[in-house]
Amino acid sequence: MAGKPGKIFLIRLMILVALAMTPVQSSVAQTRHKAELQRQVRTEFLHAWNGYKQYAWGHDDLKPLTKSYHDWYAEPLLMTPVDALDTMILMA
């Protein structure tokens, strides 16, 4: 039984050393990373929105590969702008 406390101590010590050597991002780095992700999301959203405006304005859906549109019914319901509204509000 005398050997077990030594093993437990060594295991705990190795865990502490491993944790101490693990790189931790500073809050400044995390803030920069978050700001970069927000910028990328905004850029991608605007790319999609501008494609819709250019090729499918007034219709339900953009077909990006053919640069055309699709309407679900005979009269368009403008589904894309309705669907994108909450995203636009959150991204304000």
Protein backbone atom coordinates (compact mmCIF):
# COMPACT_ATOMS: atom_id res chain seq x y z
CA MET A 1 0.00 0.00 0.00
CA ALA A 2 2.97 2.30 0.53
CA GLY A 3 3.68 2.44 -3.23
CA LYS A 4 0.20 3.62 -4.25
CA PRO A 5 0.32 7.17 -2.84
CA GLY A 6 3.53 7.76 -4.80
CA LYS A 7 1.88 6.66 -8.06
CA ILE A 8 -1.16 8.83 -7.42
CA PHE A 9 1.11 11.78 -6.66
CA LEU A 10 3.05 11.25 -9.91
CA ILE A 11 -0.16 10.96 -11.95
CA ARG A 12 -1.49 14.17 -10.41
CA LEU A 13 1.83 15.89 -11.03
CA MET A 14 1.85 14.82 -14.69
CA ILE A 15 -1.71 16.08 -15.13
CA LEU A 16 -0.80 19.44 -13.58
CA VAL A 17 2.27 19.75 -15.80
CA ALA A 18 0.22 18.88 -18.90
CA LEU A 19 -2.40 21.47 -17.97
CA ALA A 20 0.26 24.07 -17.30
CA MET A 21 1.80 23.47 -20.73
CA THR A 22 -1.56 23.70 -22.55
CA PRO A 23 -1.71 26.97 -24.48
CA VAL A 24 -4.53 29.21 -23.35
CA GLN A 25 -5.83 31.99 -25.56
CA SER A 26 -5.96 35.34 -23.89
CA SER A 27 -9.22 37.19 -23.75
CA VAL A 28 -7.78 39.65 -26.29
CA ALA A 29 -7.05 36.82 -28.73
CA GLN A 30 -10.53 35.37 -28.17
CA THR A 31 -12.10 38.77 -28.80
CA ARG A 32 -10.11 39.17 -32.02
CA HIS A 33 -11.08 35.68 -33.15
CA LYS A 34 -14.75 36.38 -32.41
CA ALA A 35 -14.61 39.67 -34.30
CA GLU A 36 -13.01 37.92 -37.29
CA LEU A 37 -15.70 35.23 -37.30
CA GLN A 38 -18.40 37.90 -37.14
CA ARG A 39 -16.82 39.68 -40.09
CA GLN A 40 -16.67 36.45 -42.10
CA VAL A 41 -20.32 35.59 -41.36
CA ARG A 42 -21.41 39.09 -42.36
CA THR A 43 -19.39 38.89 -45.58
CA GLU A 44 -20.90 35.52 -46.52
CA PHE A 45 -24.42 36.69 -45.71
CA LEU A 46 -24.01 39.81 -47.84
CA HIS A 47 -22.62 37.70 -50.70
CA ALA A 48 -25.73 35.47 -50.60
CA TRP A 49 -28.10 38.42 -50.19
CA ASN A 50 -26.55 40.34 -53.09
CA GLY A 51 -26.83 37.24 -55.29
CA TYR A 52 -30.50 36.97 -54.42
CA LYS A 53 -31.05 40.66 -55.19
CA GLN A 54 -29.24 40.40 -58.52
CA TYR A 55 -30.71 37.17 -59.86
CA ALA A 56 -33.95 36.41 -58.01
CA TRP A 57 -35.40 39.64 -56.61
CA GLY A 58 -39.17 39.38 -56.35
CA HIS A 59 -39.15 35.58 -56.34
CA ASP A 60 -39.07 32.87 -53.67
CA ASP A 61 -35.67 31.30 -54.06
CA LEU A 62 -32.30 31.74 -55.80
CA LYS A 63 -30.82 28.87 -57.77
CA PRO A 64 -27.15 29.88 -57.48
CA LEU A 65 -25.66 27.43 -59.97
CA THR A 66 -27.90 28.54 -62.81
CA LYS A 67 -28.24 32.14 -61.56
CA SER A 68 -31.98 31.86 -61.90
CA TYR A 69 -34.92 31.68 -59.51
CA HIS A 70 -37.61 29.31 -58.36
CA ASP A 71 -41.13 30.15 -57.20
CA TRP A 72 -42.99 27.62 -55.07
CA TYR A 73 -46.41 28.81 -56.23
CA ALA A 74 -47.81 30.70 -59.20
CA GLU A 75 -47.62 33.91 -57.16
CA PRO A 76 -44.22 34.41 -55.42
CA LEU A 77 -44.29 34.52 -51.62
CA LEU A 78 -40.86 36.20 -51.29
CA MET A 79 -39.66 33.41 -49.02
CA THR A 80 -35.99 34.36 -49.07
CA PRO A 81 -36.44 37.88 -47.68
CA VAL A 82 -38.90 36.60 -45.07
CA ASP A 83 -36.53 33.80 -44.07
CA ALA A 84 -33.51 36.15 -43.95
CA LEU A 85 -35.23 38.84 -41.88
CA ASP A 86 -34.37 37.40 -38.46
CA THR A 87 -30.75 36.89 -39.54
CA MET A 88 -30.55 40.50 -40.66
CA ILE A 89 -31.99 41.69 -37.35
CA LEU A 90 -29.51 39.62 -35.34
CA MET A 91 -26.56 40.78 -37.44
CA ALA A 92 -27.57 44.46 -37.36
